[in-house]
N, C-alpha and C. Protein backbone atom coordinates (compact mmCIF):
# COMPACT_ATOMS: atom_id res chain seq x y z
N MET A 1 6.24 -48.98 13.80
CA MET A 1 5.65 -48.06 12.86
C MET A 1 6.53 -46.80 12.73
N LYS A 2 6.87 -46.50 11.52
CA LYS A 2 7.76 -45.34 11.24
C LYS A 2 6.98 -44.02 11.51
N PRO A 3 7.65 -43.01 12.27
CA PRO A 3 6.94 -41.83 12.46
C PRO A 3 6.78 -41.01 11.19
N SER A 4 5.64 -40.35 11.14
CA SER A 4 5.35 -39.51 10.00
C SER A 4 6.19 -38.28 10.06
N THR A 5 6.29 -37.53 8.97
CA THR A 5 7.10 -36.31 8.87
C THR A 5 6.28 -35.18 8.35
N ILE A 6 6.30 -34.07 9.10
CA ILE A 6 5.76 -32.80 8.64
C ILE A 6 6.94 -32.00 8.05
N VAL A 7 6.74 -31.62 6.78
CA VAL A 7 7.74 -30.84 6.15
C VAL A 7 7.32 -29.34 6.11
N VAL A 8 8.24 -28.44 6.58
CA VAL A 8 7.95 -27.03 6.65
C VAL A 8 8.94 -26.34 5.61
N ARG A 9 8.37 -25.89 4.52
CA ARG A 9 9.16 -25.24 3.47
C ARG A 9 8.94 -23.76 3.41
N PRO A 10 9.96 -23.02 3.13
CA PRO A 10 9.72 -21.52 2.98
C PRO A 10 8.72 -21.27 1.87
N ALA A 11 7.85 -20.28 2.09
CA ALA A 11 6.89 -19.86 1.05
C ALA A 11 7.53 -18.65 0.28
N PRO A 12 7.26 -18.56 -0.98
CA PRO A 12 7.78 -17.43 -1.71
C PRO A 12 7.25 -16.10 -1.24
N GLY A 13 8.07 -15.06 -1.30
CA GLY A 13 7.57 -13.74 -1.01
C GLY A 13 7.98 -13.12 0.31
N ARG A 14 7.83 -13.86 1.41
CA ARG A 14 8.07 -13.31 2.77
C ARG A 14 8.86 -14.35 3.56
N LYS A 15 9.92 -13.96 4.24
CA LYS A 15 10.79 -14.92 4.97
C LYS A 15 10.02 -15.46 6.17
N SER A 16 8.93 -14.84 6.61
CA SER A 16 8.19 -15.29 7.79
C SER A 16 6.97 -16.16 7.43
N ARG A 17 6.89 -16.61 6.14
CA ARG A 17 5.81 -17.47 5.70
C ARG A 17 6.37 -18.82 5.28
N ALA A 18 5.53 -19.83 5.46
CA ALA A 18 5.96 -21.19 5.07
C ALA A 18 4.72 -22.01 4.57
N ILE A 19 5.11 -23.12 4.09
CA ILE A 19 4.06 -24.14 3.63
C ILE A 19 4.38 -25.38 4.45
N VAL A 20 3.34 -25.90 5.12
CA VAL A 20 3.43 -27.11 5.95
C VAL A 20 2.74 -28.25 5.20
N GLN A 21 3.48 -29.35 5.03
CA GLN A 21 2.94 -30.48 4.33
C GLN A 21 3.10 -31.77 5.16
N LEU A 22 1.95 -32.50 5.23
CA LEU A 22 1.99 -33.84 5.92
C LEU A 22 1.19 -34.73 4.90
N GLY A 23 1.90 -35.59 4.24
CA GLY A 23 1.26 -36.41 3.25
C GLY A 23 0.52 -35.55 2.16
N ALA A 24 -0.78 -35.80 1.98
CA ALA A 24 -1.51 -35.03 1.02
C ALA A 24 -2.04 -33.74 1.56
N ILE A 25 -1.82 -33.46 2.86
CA ILE A 25 -2.36 -32.18 3.48
C ILE A 25 -1.27 -31.13 3.33
N THR A 26 -1.62 -30.03 2.70
CA THR A 26 -0.70 -28.87 2.60
C THR A 26 -1.50 -27.62 3.04
N VAL A 27 -0.84 -26.91 3.99
CA VAL A 27 -1.47 -25.76 4.55
C VAL A 27 -0.46 -24.56 4.69
N PRO A 28 -0.90 -23.30 4.61
CA PRO A 28 -0.03 -22.19 4.85
C PRO A 28 0.33 -22.04 6.35
N ALA A 29 1.46 -21.46 6.61
CA ALA A 29 1.95 -21.28 8.02
C ALA A 29 2.77 -20.01 8.16
N ALA A 30 2.87 -19.60 9.41
CA ALA A 30 3.74 -18.46 9.79
C ALA A 30 4.95 -19.07 10.49
N ILE A 31 6.11 -18.51 10.26
CA ILE A 31 7.34 -18.88 10.99
C ILE A 31 7.93 -17.65 11.61
N GLY A 32 9.13 -17.76 12.05
CA GLY A 32 9.82 -16.68 12.78
C GLY A 32 9.89 -15.31 11.94
N ARG A 33 9.85 -14.24 12.67
CA ARG A 33 9.90 -12.93 12.05
C ARG A 33 11.26 -12.71 11.32
N SER A 34 12.26 -13.45 11.71
CA SER A 34 13.55 -13.32 11.10
C SER A 34 13.80 -14.44 10.04
N GLY A 35 12.76 -15.21 9.79
CA GLY A 35 12.84 -16.35 8.81
C GLY A 35 13.38 -17.57 9.49
N ARG A 36 14.31 -18.23 8.81
CA ARG A 36 14.86 -19.53 9.28
C ARG A 36 16.34 -19.34 9.52
N THR A 37 16.89 -20.22 10.37
CA THR A 37 18.36 -20.16 10.65
C THR A 37 18.88 -21.50 11.01
N VAL A 38 20.16 -21.74 10.72
CA VAL A 38 20.78 -22.98 11.08
C VAL A 38 21.52 -22.76 12.47
N ILE A 39 21.69 -21.46 12.86
CA ILE A 39 22.32 -21.16 14.12
C ILE A 39 21.30 -20.44 15.01
N LYS A 40 20.48 -21.15 15.69
CA LYS A 40 19.42 -20.61 16.46
C LYS A 40 19.98 -20.03 17.80
N ARG A 41 19.51 -18.84 18.15
CA ARG A 41 19.95 -18.17 19.37
C ARG A 41 18.69 -17.67 20.07
N GLU A 42 18.75 -17.64 21.36
CA GLU A 42 17.56 -17.09 22.22
C GLU A 42 17.24 -15.70 21.75
N GLY A 43 16.01 -15.44 21.40
CA GLY A 43 15.53 -14.09 21.09
C GLY A 43 15.79 -13.65 19.71
N ASP A 44 16.32 -14.53 18.81
CA ASP A 44 16.65 -14.03 17.46
C ASP A 44 15.46 -13.95 16.54
N GLY A 45 14.35 -14.47 16.93
CA GLY A 45 13.14 -14.42 16.12
C GLY A 45 13.14 -15.33 14.88
N ALA A 46 14.08 -16.31 14.89
CA ALA A 46 14.17 -17.19 13.74
C ALA A 46 13.69 -18.62 14.11
N THR A 47 13.22 -19.34 13.07
CA THR A 47 12.79 -20.67 13.20
C THR A 47 14.01 -21.56 12.90
N PRO A 48 14.36 -22.50 13.76
CA PRO A 48 15.53 -23.33 13.51
C PRO A 48 15.29 -24.27 12.23
N ILE A 49 16.30 -24.28 11.36
CA ILE A 49 16.32 -25.27 10.28
C ILE A 49 16.84 -26.56 10.90
N ALA A 50 15.89 -27.49 11.12
CA ALA A 50 16.18 -28.72 11.83
C ALA A 50 15.11 -29.76 11.68
N SER A 51 15.38 -30.96 12.11
CA SER A 51 14.34 -32.00 12.26
C SER A 51 14.08 -32.15 13.75
N MET A 52 12.85 -31.92 14.14
CA MET A 52 12.50 -31.95 15.59
C MET A 52 11.31 -32.95 15.81
N ARG A 53 11.46 -33.79 16.81
CA ARG A 53 10.43 -34.68 17.13
C ARG A 53 9.31 -33.95 17.91
N LEU A 54 8.10 -34.31 17.65
CA LEU A 54 7.00 -33.82 18.57
C LEU A 54 7.04 -34.69 19.83
N ILE A 55 6.98 -33.99 20.95
CA ILE A 55 7.03 -34.67 22.23
C ILE A 55 5.67 -34.78 22.88
N SER A 56 4.93 -33.72 22.91
CA SER A 56 3.62 -33.67 23.54
C SER A 56 2.94 -32.39 23.14
N GLY A 57 1.83 -32.07 23.82
CA GLY A 57 1.17 -30.87 23.44
C GLY A 57 0.32 -30.34 24.65
N PHE A 58 -0.26 -29.14 24.45
CA PHE A 58 -1.10 -28.49 25.39
C PHE A 58 -2.37 -28.00 24.70
N ARG A 59 -3.43 -27.83 25.42
CA ARG A 59 -4.67 -27.30 24.86
C ARG A 59 -5.42 -26.49 25.91
N ARG A 60 -6.19 -25.50 25.41
CA ARG A 60 -7.07 -24.78 26.25
C ARG A 60 -8.41 -25.50 26.23
N GLY A 61 -8.68 -26.28 27.21
CA GLY A 61 -9.84 -27.13 27.20
C GLY A 61 -11.19 -26.38 27.09
N GLU A 62 -11.29 -25.25 27.76
CA GLU A 62 -12.50 -24.46 27.74
C GLU A 62 -12.72 -23.88 26.33
N ARG A 63 -11.72 -23.77 25.46
CA ARG A 63 -11.90 -23.28 24.12
C ARG A 63 -11.94 -24.31 23.09
N ASN A 64 -11.28 -25.43 23.29
CA ASN A 64 -11.15 -26.49 22.23
C ASN A 64 -11.75 -27.78 22.52
N GLY A 65 -12.02 -28.08 23.88
CA GLY A 65 -12.57 -29.39 24.24
C GLY A 65 -11.54 -30.42 23.87
N ARG A 66 -12.04 -31.59 23.56
CA ARG A 66 -11.22 -32.72 23.21
C ARG A 66 -10.70 -32.66 21.81
N LEU A 67 -9.37 -32.98 21.66
CA LEU A 67 -8.77 -32.96 20.34
C LEU A 67 -8.52 -34.40 19.90
N ALA A 68 -8.84 -34.63 18.61
CA ALA A 68 -8.65 -35.96 18.03
C ALA A 68 -7.19 -36.14 17.58
N THR A 69 -6.39 -36.77 18.46
CA THR A 69 -4.95 -36.99 18.17
C THR A 69 -4.41 -38.05 19.11
N PRO A 70 -3.49 -38.89 18.52
CA PRO A 70 -2.81 -39.83 19.40
C PRO A 70 -1.62 -39.21 20.14
N LEU A 71 -1.36 -37.93 19.88
CA LEU A 71 -0.22 -37.18 20.58
C LEU A 71 -0.72 -36.91 22.05
N PRO A 72 0.18 -37.18 23.01
CA PRO A 72 -0.21 -36.81 24.42
C PRO A 72 -0.43 -35.31 24.49
N ILE A 73 -1.71 -34.92 24.92
CA ILE A 73 -2.12 -33.48 25.06
C ILE A 73 -2.52 -33.26 26.53
N ARG A 74 -2.00 -32.21 27.16
CA ARG A 74 -2.39 -31.88 28.49
C ARG A 74 -3.23 -30.53 28.45
N ARG A 75 -4.19 -30.46 29.28
CA ARG A 75 -4.93 -29.26 29.46
C ARG A 75 -4.15 -28.21 30.15
N ILE A 76 -4.15 -27.01 29.68
CA ILE A 76 -3.36 -25.90 30.20
C ILE A 76 -4.07 -25.38 31.50
N ARG A 77 -3.27 -25.26 32.55
CA ARG A 77 -3.75 -24.65 33.75
C ARG A 77 -3.22 -23.25 33.91
N GLY A 78 -3.82 -22.50 34.73
CA GLY A 78 -3.40 -21.07 34.88
C GLY A 78 -1.95 -20.93 35.44
N ASP A 79 -1.44 -21.94 36.16
CA ASP A 79 -0.13 -21.78 36.72
C ASP A 79 1.00 -22.34 35.87
N MET A 80 0.66 -22.72 34.60
CA MET A 80 1.69 -23.27 33.71
C MET A 80 2.45 -22.11 32.98
N LEU A 81 3.75 -22.19 33.10
CA LEU A 81 4.61 -21.21 32.46
C LEU A 81 5.76 -22.02 31.75
N TRP A 82 6.46 -21.36 30.86
CA TRP A 82 7.62 -21.98 30.14
C TRP A 82 8.81 -21.01 30.39
N CYS A 83 9.83 -21.50 31.05
CA CYS A 83 11.01 -20.71 31.35
C CYS A 83 11.80 -20.41 30.08
N ASP A 84 12.15 -19.15 29.79
CA ASP A 84 12.91 -18.76 28.67
C ASP A 84 14.17 -17.95 29.05
N GLN A 85 14.60 -18.12 30.30
CA GLN A 85 15.77 -17.44 30.77
C GLN A 85 17.01 -18.36 30.71
N PRO A 86 17.93 -18.15 29.75
CA PRO A 86 19.03 -19.07 29.56
C PRO A 86 19.84 -19.47 30.79
N GLY A 87 20.01 -18.56 31.69
CA GLY A 87 20.81 -18.88 32.90
C GLY A 87 20.10 -19.65 34.01
N ASN A 88 18.81 -19.87 33.86
CA ASN A 88 18.06 -20.56 34.86
C ASN A 88 18.13 -22.08 34.69
N ALA A 89 18.14 -22.82 35.82
CA ALA A 89 18.20 -24.24 35.79
C ALA A 89 16.99 -24.86 35.05
N SER A 90 15.89 -24.13 34.98
CA SER A 90 14.66 -24.62 34.35
C SER A 90 14.52 -24.13 32.90
N TYR A 91 15.57 -23.58 32.35
CA TYR A 91 15.61 -23.03 31.00
C TYR A 91 14.92 -24.04 29.98
N ASN A 92 14.05 -23.57 29.21
CA ASN A 92 13.30 -24.29 28.17
C ASN A 92 12.56 -25.57 28.76
N ARG A 93 11.93 -25.28 29.96
CA ARG A 93 11.13 -26.30 30.61
C ARG A 93 9.82 -25.67 31.10
N LEU A 94 8.82 -26.57 31.22
CA LEU A 94 7.55 -26.16 31.82
C LEU A 94 7.79 -25.92 33.30
N VAL A 95 7.30 -24.82 33.85
CA VAL A 95 7.44 -24.51 35.23
C VAL A 95 6.08 -24.05 35.75
N ARG A 96 5.98 -23.90 37.11
CA ARG A 96 4.69 -23.49 37.68
C ARG A 96 4.86 -22.13 38.32
N ALA A 97 3.77 -21.33 38.23
CA ALA A 97 3.70 -20.07 38.92
C ALA A 97 3.49 -20.33 40.45
N PRO A 98 4.11 -19.43 41.26
CA PRO A 98 4.87 -18.26 40.95
C PRO A 98 6.27 -18.65 40.51
N PHE A 99 6.85 -17.95 39.61
CA PHE A 99 8.19 -18.18 39.04
C PHE A 99 8.77 -16.86 38.66
N ASP A 100 9.94 -16.51 39.30
CA ASP A 100 10.52 -15.19 39.17
C ASP A 100 11.32 -15.02 37.91
N ALA A 101 11.91 -16.04 37.35
CA ALA A 101 12.75 -15.88 36.12
C ALA A 101 11.85 -15.58 34.92
N SER A 102 12.44 -15.06 33.89
CA SER A 102 11.78 -14.83 32.61
C SER A 102 11.03 -16.08 32.08
N HIS A 103 9.80 -15.90 31.67
CA HIS A 103 8.96 -16.99 31.27
C HIS A 103 7.87 -16.54 30.28
N GLU A 104 7.24 -17.54 29.64
CA GLU A 104 6.00 -17.26 28.81
C GLU A 104 4.87 -17.91 29.60
N GLU A 105 3.71 -17.33 29.49
CA GLU A 105 2.53 -17.94 30.07
C GLU A 105 1.96 -18.90 29.05
N MET A 106 1.61 -20.09 29.42
CA MET A 106 1.03 -21.05 28.54
C MET A 106 -0.42 -20.76 28.29
N ARG A 107 -1.05 -20.18 29.33
CA ARG A 107 -2.51 -19.84 29.14
C ARG A 107 -2.60 -18.41 28.66
N ARG A 108 -2.38 -18.25 27.36
CA ARG A 108 -2.30 -16.94 26.78
C ARG A 108 -3.71 -16.40 26.46
N SER A 109 -3.92 -15.12 26.57
CA SER A 109 -5.20 -14.54 26.26
C SER A 109 -5.40 -14.40 24.74
N ASP A 110 -4.26 -14.35 23.96
CA ASP A 110 -4.41 -14.18 22.52
C ASP A 110 -4.70 -15.44 21.70
N GLY A 111 -4.77 -16.58 22.43
CA GLY A 111 -5.18 -17.80 21.77
C GLY A 111 -4.13 -18.57 21.01
N LEU A 112 -2.88 -18.06 20.96
CA LEU A 112 -1.86 -18.72 20.21
C LEU A 112 -1.51 -20.13 20.73
N TYR A 113 -1.63 -20.36 21.98
CA TYR A 113 -1.33 -21.69 22.56
C TYR A 113 -2.60 -22.38 22.92
N ASP A 114 -3.72 -22.06 22.32
CA ASP A 114 -4.98 -22.83 22.55
C ASP A 114 -4.74 -24.28 22.14
N VAL A 115 -3.90 -24.42 21.11
CA VAL A 115 -3.36 -25.76 20.77
C VAL A 115 -1.86 -25.54 20.56
N CYS A 116 -1.05 -26.14 21.35
CA CYS A 116 0.42 -25.89 21.35
C CYS A 116 1.16 -27.18 21.44
N LEU A 117 1.90 -27.53 20.37
CA LEU A 117 2.59 -28.75 20.41
C LEU A 117 4.07 -28.52 20.59
N VAL A 118 4.65 -29.28 21.51
CA VAL A 118 6.06 -29.11 21.93
C VAL A 118 6.96 -29.89 20.95
N MET A 119 7.90 -29.19 20.26
CA MET A 119 8.87 -29.84 19.47
C MET A 119 10.21 -29.91 20.21
N ASP A 120 10.92 -31.01 19.97
CA ASP A 120 12.16 -31.24 20.70
C ASP A 120 13.27 -30.39 20.14
N TRP A 121 13.22 -29.09 20.37
CA TRP A 121 14.27 -28.19 20.03
C TRP A 121 14.88 -27.75 21.39
N ASN A 122 16.11 -28.12 21.65
CA ASN A 122 16.85 -27.73 22.79
C ASN A 122 16.20 -28.20 24.07
N ILE A 123 15.51 -29.32 24.02
CA ILE A 123 14.87 -29.90 25.21
C ILE A 123 15.54 -31.14 25.67
N SER A 124 15.67 -32.14 24.85
CA SER A 124 16.38 -33.37 25.28
C SER A 124 17.88 -33.17 25.61
N SER A 125 18.45 -32.25 24.83
CA SER A 125 19.82 -31.87 25.08
C SER A 125 19.89 -30.38 25.06
N ARG A 126 19.81 -29.81 26.30
CA ARG A 126 19.71 -28.33 26.38
C ARG A 126 21.08 -27.66 26.35
N ALA A 127 21.12 -26.47 25.74
CA ALA A 127 22.29 -25.61 25.80
C ALA A 127 21.77 -24.15 25.98
N ARG A 128 22.47 -23.43 26.87
CA ARG A 128 22.05 -22.02 27.15
C ARG A 128 22.06 -21.24 25.84
N ASN A 129 21.10 -20.35 25.72
CA ASN A 129 20.99 -19.41 24.61
C ASN A 129 20.70 -20.03 23.22
N ARG A 130 20.36 -21.30 23.20
CA ARG A 130 20.19 -21.98 21.95
C ARG A 130 18.68 -21.87 21.44
N GLY A 131 17.87 -21.23 22.28
CA GLY A 131 16.46 -21.07 21.92
C GLY A 131 15.52 -21.85 22.78
N SER A 132 14.44 -21.31 23.10
CA SER A 132 13.44 -21.97 23.99
C SER A 132 12.04 -21.73 23.43
N ALA A 133 11.13 -22.61 23.93
CA ALA A 133 9.73 -22.51 23.57
C ALA A 133 9.51 -22.50 22.04
N ILE A 134 10.15 -23.40 21.37
CA ILE A 134 9.96 -23.52 19.88
C ILE A 134 8.77 -24.58 19.77
N PHE A 135 7.61 -23.99 19.51
CA PHE A 135 6.41 -24.79 19.45
C PHE A 135 5.77 -24.75 18.07
N PHE A 136 4.87 -25.69 17.92
CA PHE A 136 3.95 -25.68 16.67
C PHE A 136 2.61 -25.29 17.24
N HIS A 137 2.13 -24.09 16.96
CA HIS A 137 0.94 -23.56 17.60
C HIS A 137 0.04 -22.85 16.57
N LEU A 138 -0.93 -22.12 17.14
CA LEU A 138 -1.92 -21.47 16.32
C LEU A 138 -1.44 -20.06 15.81
N ILE A 139 -1.94 -19.60 14.66
CA ILE A 139 -1.49 -18.37 14.12
C ILE A 139 -2.15 -17.14 14.70
N ARG A 140 -1.56 -16.05 14.50
CA ARG A 140 -2.21 -14.69 14.72
C ARG A 140 -2.93 -14.37 13.45
N PRO A 141 -3.92 -13.57 13.54
CA PRO A 141 -4.66 -13.13 12.29
C PRO A 141 -3.67 -12.55 11.25
N GLY A 142 -3.94 -12.91 9.99
CA GLY A 142 -3.07 -12.43 8.93
C GLY A 142 -1.74 -13.17 8.82
N TYR A 143 -1.58 -14.31 9.54
CA TYR A 143 -0.39 -15.05 9.51
C TYR A 143 0.84 -14.17 9.85
N GLU A 144 0.68 -13.38 10.93
CA GLU A 144 1.76 -12.54 11.38
C GLU A 144 2.92 -13.49 11.82
N PRO A 145 4.15 -13.00 11.73
CA PRO A 145 5.30 -13.83 12.09
C PRO A 145 5.26 -14.26 13.57
N THR A 146 5.95 -15.37 13.89
CA THR A 146 6.13 -15.84 15.20
C THR A 146 7.50 -15.38 15.72
N ALA A 147 7.75 -15.77 16.96
CA ALA A 147 9.09 -15.48 17.57
C ALA A 147 10.07 -16.60 17.26
N GLY A 148 9.73 -17.56 16.39
CA GLY A 148 10.60 -18.68 16.00
C GLY A 148 9.87 -20.03 15.89
N CYS A 149 8.57 -19.96 16.20
CA CYS A 149 7.76 -21.20 16.12
C CYS A 149 7.22 -21.37 14.72
N VAL A 150 6.48 -22.48 14.53
CA VAL A 150 5.68 -22.74 13.34
C VAL A 150 4.22 -22.62 13.80
N ALA A 151 3.42 -21.86 13.03
CA ALA A 151 2.01 -21.60 13.37
C ALA A 151 1.07 -21.81 12.23
N VAL A 152 -0.04 -22.46 12.49
CA VAL A 152 -1.10 -22.68 11.52
C VAL A 152 -2.46 -22.31 12.12
N SER A 153 -3.47 -22.22 11.23
CA SER A 153 -4.81 -21.92 11.66
C SER A 153 -5.37 -23.06 12.51
N LEU A 154 -6.41 -22.80 13.33
CA LEU A 154 -7.08 -23.81 14.13
C LEU A 154 -7.67 -24.88 13.20
N ALA A 155 -8.27 -24.47 12.12
CA ALA A 155 -8.88 -25.44 11.22
C ALA A 155 -7.79 -26.36 10.63
N ASP A 156 -6.67 -25.80 10.22
CA ASP A 156 -5.60 -26.64 9.70
C ASP A 156 -5.00 -27.48 10.77
N MET A 157 -4.84 -27.00 11.95
CA MET A 157 -4.28 -27.79 13.09
C MET A 157 -5.17 -29.01 13.28
N ARG A 158 -6.53 -28.77 13.29
CA ARG A 158 -7.44 -29.88 13.46
C ARG A 158 -7.33 -30.92 12.36
N ARG A 159 -6.98 -30.50 11.15
CA ARG A 159 -6.74 -31.43 10.02
C ARG A 159 -5.49 -32.28 10.30
N LEU A 160 -4.45 -31.66 10.87
CA LEU A 160 -3.25 -32.35 11.05
C LEU A 160 -3.18 -33.31 12.31
N LEU A 161 -3.84 -32.85 13.36
CA LEU A 161 -3.78 -33.50 14.68
C LEU A 161 -4.02 -35.08 14.64
N PRO A 162 -5.03 -35.51 13.88
CA PRO A 162 -5.30 -36.95 13.92
C PRO A 162 -4.11 -37.80 13.38
N HIS A 163 -3.20 -37.15 12.65
CA HIS A 163 -2.04 -37.85 12.07
C HIS A 163 -0.79 -37.72 12.88
N LEU A 164 -0.84 -36.98 13.98
CA LEU A 164 0.35 -36.69 14.76
C LEU A 164 0.41 -37.57 16.04
N ARG A 165 1.59 -37.97 16.37
CA ARG A 165 1.85 -38.69 17.61
C ARG A 165 3.21 -38.39 18.10
N LYS A 166 3.50 -38.86 19.29
CA LYS A 166 4.84 -38.64 19.87
C LYS A 166 5.89 -39.26 18.88
N GLY A 167 6.88 -38.46 18.57
CA GLY A 167 7.87 -38.95 17.64
C GLY A 167 7.75 -38.42 16.20
N THR A 168 6.54 -37.92 15.87
CA THR A 168 6.34 -37.36 14.53
C THR A 168 7.47 -36.26 14.33
N ILE A 169 8.07 -36.28 13.18
CA ILE A 169 9.19 -35.38 12.88
C ILE A 169 8.63 -34.06 12.24
N VAL A 170 9.04 -32.95 12.71
CA VAL A 170 8.76 -31.68 12.04
C VAL A 170 10.10 -31.25 11.49
N ARG A 171 10.20 -31.32 10.10
CA ARG A 171 11.42 -31.01 9.42
C ARG A 171 11.33 -29.61 8.76
N VAL A 172 12.04 -28.65 9.33
CA VAL A 172 12.06 -27.30 8.76
C VAL A 172 13.30 -27.23 7.80
N LEU A 173 12.89 -26.94 6.53
CA LEU A 173 13.89 -26.89 5.46
C LEU A 173 14.40 -25.47 5.25
């Protein structure tokens, strides 16, 4: 079975807004505060222009319960972190607390990672400073820009999830 493709196109007007399309489903999205780039660097605030496979996902079970998707989804625990320090051996990997190097908490209080899908950006073949934690996650109110991820509303994520599986391509144009 051929993997489906999510297309992420720039939206007119603001470099940090996009349109996400999967078949007949079209939804608004937020992308990086710096827009899109073909040369992604750690901390640049840009979303990579690339085709990235979905690998897996995370969810806040106490907030979302079960999600209808064939994509492998793990419940987020309080000790789950994501290393974003380029010089660390665990760069762009899930790690466990306590962890001294720079990292992001997966169990965020702002709800952005209540549903968080991992895209294969700089994961299968890692390079220092090429960018970490490039996820497909939930938006902030008002579709505020991300740090380089693709973000949609919870309602739109729930519409997309049943069609997503490991290997689904997220193509940022």
